[in-house]
Amino acid sequence: MKLENIELSFDNFSGEMSKLKNQKHFDYLVTIIGEDFGEEGYGCIYILENTDNNERCSVKTIAKKVDGSDVIPTVINLWKSAELLEREVFDFVGIKFLG
């Protein structure tokens, strides 16, 4: 299985993730991985799956610094399972999720 790798900026992250869910039918959020990307900063990698055709993609985004905290928009509104995964990323890496 080939994994398509996508990079999204903070500014277009929410809109593009919504398109992946609603237009490309990536209906399953496999996991969220919080990571220190060195000079790029902290960020996350999201693994998504389309359960109809078993296609997977990875989405990388770098957190934005807001008042000294690293933040990324939440995806809980798209995938309810993101709540626990985002909490785990916050606990281990310290990234806060907006929304």
PDB file of N, CA and C in Angstrom:
ATOM      1  N   MET A   1       0.846  -1.170   0.000  1.00  0.00           N
ATOM      2  CA  MET A   1       0.000   0.000   0.000  1.00  0.00           C
ATOM      3  C   MET A   1       0.896   1.239   0.000  1.00  0.00           C
ATOM      4  N   LYS A   2       0.696   2.095  -0.974  1.00  0.00           N
ATOM      5  CA  LYS A   2       1.461   3.329  -1.043  1.00  0.00           C
ATOM      6  C   LYS A   2       0.797   4.381  -0.161  1.00  0.00           C
ATOM      7  N   LEU A   3       1.613   5.102   0.581  1.00  0.00           N
ATOM      8  CA  LEU A   3       1.117   6.134   1.482  1.00  0.00           C
ATOM      9  C   LEU A   3       1.404   7.499   0.873  1.00  0.00           C
ATOM     10  N   GLU A   4       0.348   8.249   0.549  1.00  0.00           N
ATOM     11  CA  GLU A   4       0.511   9.598   0.021  1.00  0.00           C
ATOM     12  C   GLU A   4       0.856  10.531   1.170  1.00  0.00           C
ATOM     13  N   ASN A   5       1.895  11.340   1.000  1.00  0.00           N
ATOM     14  CA  ASN A   5       2.325  12.284   2.031  1.00  0.00           C
ATOM     15  C   ASN A   5       1.909  13.691   1.636  1.00  0.00           C
ATOM     16  N   ILE A   6       1.203  14.370   2.534  1.00  0.00           N
ATOM     17  CA  ILE A   6       0.704  15.717   2.289  1.00  0.00           C
ATOM     18  C   ILE A   6       1.237  16.618   3.389  1.00  0.00           C
ATOM     19  N   GLU A   7       1.679  17.822   3.015  1.00  0.00           N
ATOM     20  CA  GLU A   7       2.070  18.835   4.003  1.00  0.00           C
ATOM     21  C   GLU A   7       1.116  19.997   3.916  1.00  0.00           C
ATOM     22  N   LEU A   8       0.572  20.407   5.062  1.00  0.00           N
ATOM     23  CA  LEU A   8      -0.364  21.522   5.108  1.00  0.00           C
ATOM     24  C   LEU A   8       0.164  22.602   6.039  1.00  0.00           C
ATOM     25  N   SER A   9      -0.034  23.844   5.636  1.00  0.00           N
ATOM     26  CA  SER A   9       0.354  24.960   6.497  1.00  0.00           C
ATOM     27  C   SER A   9      -0.725  25.175   7.555  1.00  0.00           C
ATOM     28  N   PHE A  10      -0.381  25.895   8.588  1.00  0.00           N
ATOM     29  CA  PHE A  10      -1.327  26.185   9.671  1.00  0.00           C
ATOM     30  C   PHE A  10      -2.573  26.873   9.114  1.00  0.00           C
ATOM     31  N   ASP A  11      -2.381  27.803   8.195  1.00  0.00           N
ATOM     32  CA  ASP A  11      -3.495  28.615   7.704  1.00  0.00           C
ATOM     33  C   ASP A  11      -4.516  27.837   6.886  1.00  0.00           C
ATOM     34  N   ASN A  12      -4.088  26.840   6.122  1.00  0.00           N
ATOM     35  CA  ASN A  12      -5.055  26.094   5.313  1.00  0.00           C
ATOM     36  C   ASN A  12      -5.349  24.700   5.878  1.00  0.00           C
ATOM     37  N   PHE A  13      -4.857  24.407   7.066  1.00  0.00           N
ATOM     38  CA  PHE A  13      -4.994  23.083   7.662  1.00  0.00           C
ATOM     39  C   PHE A  13      -6.456  22.661   7.822  1.00  0.00           C
ATOM     40  N   SER A  14      -7.271  23.478   8.465  1.00  0.00           N
ATOM     41  CA  SER A  14      -8.660  23.093   8.753  1.00  0.00           C
ATOM     42  C   SER A  14      -9.457  22.839   7.482  1.00  0.00           C
ATOM     43  N   GLY A  15      -9.338  23.729   6.515  1.00  0.00           N
ATOM     44  CA  GLY A  15     -10.080  23.580   5.269  1.00  0.00           C
ATOM     45  C   GLY A  15      -9.665  22.354   4.476  1.00  0.00           C
ATOM     46  N   GLU A  16      -8.359  22.102   4.402  1.00  0.00           N
ATOM     47  CA  GLU A  16      -7.868  20.950   3.644  1.00  0.00           C
ATOM     48  C   GLU A  16      -8.193  19.628   4.338  1.00  0.00           C
ATOM     49  N   MET A  17      -8.164  19.606   5.660  1.00  0.00           N
ATOM     50  CA  MET A  17      -8.539  18.385   6.375  1.00  0.00           C
ATOM     51  C   MET A  17     -10.022  18.085   6.166  1.00  0.00           C
ATOM     52  N   SER A  18     -10.839  19.125   6.136  1.00  0.00           N
ATOM     53  CA  SER A  18     -12.259  18.951   5.865  1.00  0.00           C
ATOM     54  C   SER A  18     -12.482  18.377   4.468  1.00  0.00           C
ATOM     55  N   LYS A  19     -11.711  18.841   3.486  1.00  0.00           N
ATOM     56  CA  LYS A  19     -11.808  18.308   2.124  1.00  0.00           C
ATOM     57  C   LYS A  19     -11.397  16.842   2.079  1.00  0.00           C
ATOM     58  N   LEU A  20     -10.342  16.493   2.805  1.00  0.00           N
ATOM     59  CA  LEU A  20      -9.910  15.095   2.834  1.00  0.00           C
ATOM     60  C   LEU A  20     -11.016  14.200   3.394  1.00  0.00           C
ATOM     61  N   LYS A  21     -11.707  14.666   4.413  1.00  0.00           N
ATOM     62  CA  LYS A  21     -12.781  13.874   5.023  1.00  0.00           C
ATOM     63  C   LYS A  21     -14.013  13.828   4.125  1.00  0.00           C
ATOM     64  N   ASN A  22     -14.471  14.981   3.672  1.00  0.00           N
ATOM     65  CA  ASN A  22     -15.766  15.060   3.004  1.00  0.00           C
ATOM     66  C   ASN A  22     -15.724  14.831   1.499  1.00  0.00           C
ATOM     67  N   GLN A  23     -14.631  15.188   0.842  1.00  0.00           N
ATOM     68  CA  GLN A  23     -14.565  15.037  -0.607  1.00  0.00           C
ATOM     69  C   GLN A  23     -13.776  13.795  -1.035  1.00  0.00           C
ATOM     70  N   LYS A  24     -12.705  13.487  -0.289  1.00  0.00           N
ATOM     71  CA  LYS A  24     -11.894  12.311  -0.649  1.00  0.00           C
ATOM     72  C   LYS A  24     -12.226  11.106   0.214  1.00  0.00           C
ATOM     73  N   HIS A  25     -13.166  11.287   1.156  1.00  0.00           N
ATOM     74  CA  HIS A  25     -13.734  10.199   1.961  1.00  0.00           C
ATOM     75  C   HIS A  25     -12.726   9.467   2.849  1.00  0.00           C
ATOM     76  N   PHE A  26     -11.784  10.232   3.398  1.00  0.00           N
ATOM     77  CA  PHE A  26     -10.905   9.664   4.417  1.00  0.00           C
ATOM     78  C   PHE A  26     -11.685   9.698   5.731  1.00  0.00           C
ATOM     79  N   ASP A  27     -12.453   8.649   5.963  1.00  0.00           N
ATOM     80  CA  ASP A  27     -13.417   8.625   7.057  1.00  0.00           C
ATOM     81  C   ASP A  27     -12.865   8.088   8.374  1.00  0.00           C
ATOM     82  N   TYR A  28     -11.630   7.593   8.364  1.00  0.00           N
ATOM     83  CA  TYR A  28     -11.058   7.004   9.580  1.00  0.00           C
ATOM     84  C   TYR A  28      -9.736   7.674   9.918  1.00  0.00           C
ATOM     85  N   LEU A  29      -9.668   8.235  11.119  1.00  0.00           N
ATOM     86  CA  LEU A  29      -8.427   8.811  11.638  1.00  0.00           C
ATOM     87  C   LEU A  29      -7.694   7.701  12.381  1.00  0.00           C
ATOM     88  N   VAL A  30      -6.610   7.216  11.797  1.00  0.00           N
ATOM     89  CA  VAL A  30      -5.863   6.098  12.376  1.00  0.00           C
ATOM     90  C   VAL A  30      -5.124   6.549  13.629  1.00  0.00           C
ATOM     91  N   THR A  31      -4.376   7.652  13.520  1.00  0.00           N
ATOM     92  CA  THR A  31      -3.623   8.155  14.667  1.00  0.00           C
ATOM     93  C   THR A  31      -3.161   9.575  14.412  1.00  0.00           C
ATOM     94  N   ILE A  32      -2.725  10.216  15.478  1.00  0.00           N
ATOM     95  CA  ILE A  32      -2.055  11.520  15.421  1.00  0.00           C
ATOM     96  C   ILE A  32      -0.739  11.356  16.175  1.00  0.00           C
ATOM     97  N   ILE A  33       0.345  11.748  15.534  1.00  0.00           N
ATOM     98  CA  ILE A  33       1.662  11.627  16.142  1.00  0.00           C
ATOM     99  C   ILE A  33       2.222  13.028  16.346  1.00  0.00           C
ATOM    100  N   GLY A  34       2.502  13.391  17.579  1.00  0.00           N
ATOM    101  CA  GLY A  34       3.154  14.658  17.880  1.00  0.00           C
ATOM    102  C   GLY A  34       4.656  14.476  17.798  1.00  0.00           C
ATOM    103  N   GLU A  35       5.329  15.471  17.207  1.00  0.00           N
ATOM    104  CA  GLU A  35       6.756  15.290  16.972  1.00  0.00           C
ATOM    105  C   GLU A  35       7.494  16.631  17.017  1.00  0.00           C
ATOM    106  N   ASP A  36       8.763  16.564  17.400  1.00  0.00           N
ATOM    107  CA  ASP A  36       9.663  17.706  17.319  1.00  0.00           C
ATOM    108  C   ASP A  36      10.423  17.585  16.007  1.00  0.00           C
ATOM    109  N   PHE A  37      10.162  18.503  15.089  1.00  0.00           N
ATOM    110  CA  PHE A  37      10.798  18.473  13.776  1.00  0.00           C
ATOM    111  C   PHE A  37      12.054  19.340  13.732  1.00  0.00           C
ATOM    112  N   GLY A  38      12.683  19.539  14.872  1.00  0.00           N
ATOM    113  CA  GLY A  38      13.931  20.295  14.930  1.00  0.00           C
ATOM    114  C   GLY A  38      13.725  21.767  14.628  1.00  0.00           C
ATOM    115  N   GLU A  39      14.418  22.273  13.626  1.00  0.00           N
ATOM    116  CA  GLU A  39      14.344  23.701  13.289  1.00  0.00           C
ATOM    117  C   GLU A  39      12.958  24.122  12.801  1.00  0.00           C
ATOM    118  N   GLU A  40      12.195  23.182  12.229  1.00  0.00           N
ATOM    119  CA  GLU A  40      10.828  23.498  11.788  1.00  0.00           C
ATOM    120  C   GLU A  40       9.912  23.778  12.976  1.00  0.00           C
ATOM    121  N   GLY A  41      10.187  23.155  14.103  1.00  0.00           N
ATOM    122  CA  GLY A  41       9.358  23.306  15.292  1.00  0.00           C
ATOM    123  C   GLY A  41       8.570  22.048  15.580  1.00  0.00           C
ATOM    124  N   TYR A  42       7.635  22.167  16.513  1.00  0.00           N
ATOM    125  CA  TYR A  42       6.769  21.046  16.855  1.00  0.00           C
ATOM    126  C   TYR A  42       5.637  20.945  15.844  1.00  0.00           C
ATOM    127  N   GLY A  43       5.124  19.748  15.685  1.00  0.00           N
ATOM    128  CA  GLY A  43       4.020  19.550  14.755  1.00  0.00           C
ATOM    129  C   GLY A  43       3.428  18.171  14.922  1.00  0.00           C
ATOM    130  N   CYS A  44       2.528  17.845  14.013  1.00  0.00           N
ATOM    131  CA  CYS A  44       1.844  16.555  14.065  1.00  0.00           C
ATOM    132  C   CYS A  44       1.801  15.905  12.694  1.00  0.00           C
ATOM    133  N   ILE A  45       1.746  14.594  12.722  1.00  0.00           N
ATOM    134  CA  ILE A  45       1.479  13.792  11.538  1.00  0.00           C
ATOM    135  C   ILE A  45       0.182  13.046  11.795  1.00  0.00           C
ATOM    136  N   TYR A  46      -0.752  13.185  10.876  1.00  0.00           N
ATOM    137  CA  TYR A  46      -2.050  12.534  10.947  1.00  0.00           C
ATOM    138  C   TYR A  46      -2.065  11.411   9.911  1.00  0.00           C
ATOM    139  N   ILE A  47      -2.484  10.230  10.309  1.00  0.00           N
ATOM    140  CA  ILE A  47      -2.648   9.116   9.376  1.00  0.00           C
ATOM    141  C   ILE A  47      -4.157   8.924   9.177  1.00  0.00           C
ATOM    142  N   LEU A  48      -4.590   9.050   7.921  1.00  0.00           N
ATOM    143  CA  LEU A  48      -6.005   8.947   7.572  1.00  0.00           C
ATOM    144  C   LEU A  48      -6.214   7.754   6.643  1.00  0.00           C
ATOM    145  N   GLU A  49      -7.409   7.156   6.719  1.00  0.00           N
ATOM    146  CA  GLU A  49      -7.729   6.032   5.848  1.00  0.00           C
ATOM    147  C   GLU A  49      -9.128   6.198   5.259  1.00  0.00           C
ATOM    148  N   ASN A  50      -9.244   5.864   3.974  1.00  0.00           N
ATOM    149  CA  ASN A  50     -10.523   5.739   3.307  1.00  0.00           C
ATOM    150  C   ASN A  50     -10.898   4.269   3.421  1.00  0.00           C
ATOM    151  N   THR A  51     -11.912   3.962   4.229  1.00  0.00           N
ATOM    152  CA  THR A  51     -12.234   2.565   4.498  1.00  0.00           C
ATOM    153  C   THR A  51     -12.951   1.878   3.335  1.00  0.00           C
ATOM    154  N   ASP A  52     -13.377   2.633   2.331  1.00  0.00           N
ATOM    155  CA  ASP A  52     -14.003   2.019   1.153  1.00  0.00           C
ATOM    156  C   ASP A  52     -12.970   1.352   0.256  1.00  0.00           C
ATOM    157  N   ASN A  53     -11.837   2.043   0.047  1.00  0.00           N
ATOM    158  CA  ASN A  53     -10.819   1.497  -0.867  1.00  0.00           C
ATOM    159  C   ASN A  53      -9.481   1.216  -0.174  1.00  0.00           C
ATOM    160  N   ASN A  54      -9.435   1.368   1.148  1.00  0.00           N
ATOM    161  CA  ASN A  54      -8.235   1.123   1.970  1.00  0.00           C
ATOM    162  C   ASN A  54      -7.056   2.020   1.607  1.00  0.00           C
ATOM    163  N   GLU A  55      -7.314   3.156   0.984  1.00  0.00           N
ATOM    164  CA  GLU A  55      -6.267   4.125   0.683  1.00  0.00           C
ATOM    165  C   GLU A  55      -5.911   4.862   1.976  1.00  0.00           C
ATOM    166  N   ARG A  56      -4.624   5.114   2.153  1.00  0.00           N
ATOM    167  CA  ARG A  56      -4.155   5.868   3.320  1.00  0.00           C
ATOM    168  C   ARG A  56      -3.342   7.066   2.880  1.00  0.00           C
ATOM    169  N   CYS A  57      -3.328   8.093   3.739  1.00  0.00           N
ATOM    170  CA  CYS A  57      -2.454   9.236   3.502  1.00  0.00           C
ATOM    171  C   CYS A  57      -1.940   9.740   4.848  1.00  0.00           C
ATOM    172  N   SER A  58      -0.791  10.384   4.803  1.00  0.00           N
ATOM    173  CA  SER A  58      -0.260  11.029   5.998  1.00  0.00           C
ATOM    174  C   SER A  58      -0.282  12.529   5.748  1.00  0.00           C
ATOM    175  N   VAL A  59      -0.652  13.265   6.766  1.00  0.00           N
ATOM    176  CA  VAL A  59      -0.729  14.722   6.680  1.00  0.00           C
ATOM    177  C   VAL A  59       0.175  15.298   7.757  1.00  0.00           C
ATOM    178  N   LYS A  60       1.117  16.122   7.333  1.00  0.00           N
ATOM    179  CA  LYS A  60       2.044  16.761   8.270  1.00  0.00           C
ATOM    180  C   LYS A  60       1.702  18.241   8.364  1.00  0.00           C
ATOM    181  N   THR A  61       1.686  18.758   9.573  1.00  0.00           N
ATOM    182  CA  THR A  61       1.520  20.191   9.779  1.00  0.00           C
ATOM    183  C   THR A  61       2.409  20.628  10.935  1.00  0.00           C
ATOM    184  N   ILE A  62       2.918  21.832  10.825  1.00  0.00           N
ATOM    185  CA  ILE A  62       3.768  22.419  11.868  1.00  0.00           C
ATOM    186  C   ILE A  62       2.914  23.351  12.711  1.00  0.00           C
ATOM    187  N   ALA A  63       3.073  23.248  14.017  1.00  0.00           N
ATOM    188  CA  ALA A  63       2.316  24.088  14.941  1.00  0.00           C
ATOM    189  C   ALA A  63       2.765  25.543  14.828  1.00  0.00           C
ATOM    190  N   LYS A  64       1.841  26.423  15.117  1.00  0.00           N
ATOM    191  CA  LYS A  64       2.110  27.869  15.129  1.00  0.00           C
ATOM    192  C   LYS A  64       2.335  28.288  16.578  1.00  0.00           C
ATOM    193  N   LYS A  65       3.293  29.186  16.795  1.00  0.00           N
ATOM    194  CA  LYS A  65       3.544  29.704  18.147  1.00  0.00           C
ATOM    195  C   LYS A  65       2.544  30.815  18.442  1.00  0.00           C
ATOM    196  N   VAL A  66       1.763  30.652  19.513  1.00  0.00           N
ATOM    197  CA  VAL A  66       0.809  31.667  19.962  1.00  0.00           C
ATOM    198  C   VAL A  66       1.008  31.848  21.459  1.00  0.00           C
ATOM    199  N   ASP A  67       1.437  33.032  21.845  1.00  0.00           N
ATOM    200  CA  ASP A  67       1.690  33.338  23.260  1.00  0.00           C
ATOM    201  C   ASP A  67       2.602  32.311  23.924  1.00  0.00           C
ATOM    202  N   GLY A  68       3.624  31.870  23.206  1.00  0.00           N
ATOM    203  CA  GLY A  68       4.601  30.937  23.747  1.00  0.00           C
ATOM    204  C   GLY A  68       4.195  29.475  23.698  1.00  0.00           C
ATOM    205  N   SER A  69       3.000  29.190  23.191  1.00  0.00           N
ATOM    206  CA  SER A  69       2.533  27.806  23.090  1.00  0.00           C
ATOM    207  C   SER A  69       2.461  27.381  21.629  1.00  0.00           C
ATOM    208  N   ASP A  70       2.732  26.113  21.385  1.00  0.00           N
ATOM    209  CA  ASP A  70       2.571  25.542  20.046  1.00  0.00           C
ATOM    210  C   ASP A  70       1.121  25.110  19.899  1.00  0.00           C
ATOM    211  N   VAL A  71       0.457  25.586  18.821  1.00  0.00           N
ATOM    212  CA  VAL A  71      -0.962  25.281  18.635  1.00  0.00           C
ATOM    213  C   VAL A  71      -1.240  24.790  17.218  1.00  0.00           C
ATOM    214  N   ILE A  72      -2.243  23.934  17.120  1.00  0.00           N
ATOM    215  CA  ILE A  72      -2.747  23.393  15.860  1.00  0.00           C
ATOM    216  C   ILE A  72      -4.274  23.372  15.984  1.00  0.00           C
ATOM    217  N   PRO A  73      -5.002  23.682  14.915  1.00  0.00           N
ATOM    218  CA  PRO A  73      -6.468  23.582  14.988  1.00  0.00           C
ATOM    219  C   PRO A  73      -6.919  22.140  15.245  1.00  0.00           C
ATOM    220  N   THR A  74      -7.965  21.979  16.031  1.00  0.00           N
ATOM    221  CA  THR A  74      -8.498  20.659  16.335  1.00  0.00           C
ATOM    222  C   THR A  74      -9.193  20.050  15.121  1.00  0.00           C
ATOM    223  N   VAL A  75      -9.258  18.728  15.086  1.00  0.00           N
ATOM    224  CA  VAL A  75     -10.022  18.020  14.054  1.00  0.00           C
ATOM    225  C   VAL A  75     -11.143  17.190  14.693  1.00  0.00           C
ATOM    226  N   ILE A  76     -11.472  17.482  15.940  1.00  0.00           N
ATOM    227  CA  ILE A  76     -12.522  16.748  16.640  1.00  0.00           C
ATOM    228  C   ILE A  76     -13.858  16.883  15.920  1.00  0.00           C
ATOM    229  N   ASN A  77     -14.084  18.034  15.284  1.00  0.00           N
ATOM    230  CA  ASN A  77     -15.339  18.234  14.560  1.00  0.00           C
ATOM    231  C   ASN A  77     -15.440  17.316  13.336  1.00  0.00           C
ATOM    232  N   LEU A  78     -14.315  16.797  12.846  1.00  0.00           N
ATOM    233  CA  LEU A  78     -14.303  15.898  11.692  1.00  0.00           C
ATOM    234  C   LEU A  78     -14.254  14.433  12.103  1.00  0.00           C
ATOM    235  N   TRP A  79     -13.420  14.110  13.075  1.00  0.00           N
ATOM    236  CA  TRP A  79     -13.260  12.743  13.562  1.00  0.00           C
ATOM    237  C   TRP A  79     -13.359  12.781  15.082  1.00  0.00           C
ATOM    238  N   LYS A  80     -14.411  12.236  15.645  1.00  0.00           N
ATOM    239  CA  LYS A  80     -14.616  12.259  17.105  1.00  0.00           C
ATOM    240  C   LYS A  80     -13.490  11.551  17.863  1.00  0.00           C
ATOM    241  N   SER A  81     -12.874  10.561  17.231  1.00  0.00           N
ATOM    242  CA  SER A  81     -11.785   9.828  17.886  1.00  0.00           C
ATOM    243  C   SER A  81     -10.559  10.703  18.115  1.00  0.00           C
ATOM    244  N   ALA A  82     -10.514  11.870  17.489  1.00  0.00           N
ATOM    245  CA  ALA A  82      -9.365  12.766  17.647  1.00  0.00           C
ATOM    246  C   ALA A  82      -9.241  13.302  19.068  1.00  0.00           C
ATOM    247  N   GLU A  83     -10.330  13.312  19.819  1.00  0.00           N
ATOM    248  CA  GLU A  83     -10.275  13.887  21.164  1.00  0.00           C
ATOM    249  C   GLU A  83      -9.216  13.201  22.031  1.00  0.00           C
ATOM    250  N   LEU A  84      -9.253  11.902  22.103  1.00  0.00           N
ATOM    251  CA  LEU A  84      -8.277  11.170  22.913  1.00  0.00           C
ATOM    252  C   LEU A  84      -6.868  11.302  22.338  1.00  0.00           C
ATOM    253  N   LEU A  85      -6.752  11.252  21.014  1.00  0.00           N
ATOM    254  CA  LEU A  85      -5.436  11.362  20.370  1.00  0.00           C
ATOM    255  C   LEU A  85      -4.820  12.740  20.593  1.00  0.00           C
ATOM    256  N   GLU A  86      -5.626  13.792  20.506  1.00  0.00           N
ATOM    257  CA  GLU A  86      -5.119  15.151  20.752  1.00  0.00           C
ATOM    258  C   GLU A  86      -4.703  15.328  22.212  1.00  0.00           C
ATOM    259  N   ARG A  87      -5.443  14.734  23.119  1.00  0.00           N
ATOM    260  CA  ARG A  87      -5.067  14.805  24.540  1.00  0.00           C
ATOM    261  C   ARG A  87      -3.710  14.122  24.769  1.00  0.00           C
ATOM    262  N   GLU A  88      -3.523  13.003  24.105  1.00  0.00           N
ATOM    263  CA  GLU A  88      -2.265  12.274  24.235  1.00  0.00           C
ATOM    264  C   GLU A  88      -1.095  13.102  23.700  1.00  0.00           C
ATOM    265  N   VAL A  89      -1.280  13.741  22.550  1.00  0.00           N
ATOM    266  CA  VAL A  89      -0.230  14.589  21.970  1.00  0.00           C
ATOM    267  C   VAL A  89       0.080  15.748  22.920  1.00  0.00           C
ATOM    268  N   PHE A  90      -0.947  16.356  23.495  1.00  0.00           N
ATOM    269  CA  PHE A  90      -0.717  17.440  24.453  1.00  0.00           C
ATOM    270  C   PHE A  90       0.083  16.933  25.656  1.00  0.00           C
ATOM    271  N   ASP A  91      -0.296  15.780  26.191  1.00  0.00           N
ATOM    272  CA  ASP A  91       0.392  15.227  27.368  1.00  0.00           C
ATOM    273  C   ASP A  91       1.861  14.916  27.095  1.00  0.00           C
ATOM    274  N   PHE A  92       2.158  14.384  25.923  1.00  0.00           N
ATOM    275  CA  PHE A  92       3.520  13.951  25.616  1.00  0.00           C
ATOM    276  C   PHE A  92       4.386  15.033  24.987  1.00  0.00           C
ATOM    277  N   VAL A  93       3.794  15.908  24.163  1.00  0.00           N
ATOM    278  CA  VAL A  93       4.585  16.879  23.410  1.00  0.00           C
ATOM    279  C   VAL A  93       4.278  18.313  23.810  1.00  0.00           C
ATOM    280  N   GLY A  94       3.078  18.578  24.333  1.00  0.00           N
ATOM    281  CA  GLY A  94       2.710  19.918  24.784  1.00  0.00           C
ATOM    282  C   GLY A  94       2.017  20.768  23.743  1.00  0.00           C
ATOM    283  N   ILE A  95       1.654  20.192  22.604  1.00  0.00           N
ATOM    284  CA  ILE A  95       0.934  20.958  21.586  1.00  0.00           C
ATOM    285  C   ILE A  95      -0.503  21.120  22.026  1.00  0.00           C
ATOM    286  N   LYS A  96      -1.008  22.368  21.932  1.00  0.00           N
ATOM    287  CA  LYS A  96      -2.407  22.651  22.276  1.00  0.00           C
ATOM    288  C   LYS A  96      -3.223  22.653  20.987  1.00  0.00           C
ATOM    289  N   PHE A  97      -4.474  22.240  21.089  1.00  0.00           N
ATOM    290  CA  PHE A  97      -5.361  22.175  19.931  1.00  0.00           C
ATOM    291  C   PHE A  97      -6.458  23.210  20.082  1.00  0.00           C
ATOM    292  N   LEU A  98      -6.555  24.095  19.097  1.00  0.00           N
ATOM    293  CA  LEU A  98      -7.517  25.192  19.131  1.00  0.00           C
ATOM    294  C   LEU A  98      -8.900  24.703  18.754  1.00  0.00           C
ATOM    295  N   GLY A  99      -9.884  25.121  19.513  1.00  0.00           N
ATOM    296  CA  GLY A  99     -11.265  24.764  19.206  1.00  0.00           C
ATOM    297  C   GLY A  99     -11.722  23.714  20.149  1.00  0.00           C
TER     298      GLY A  99
END
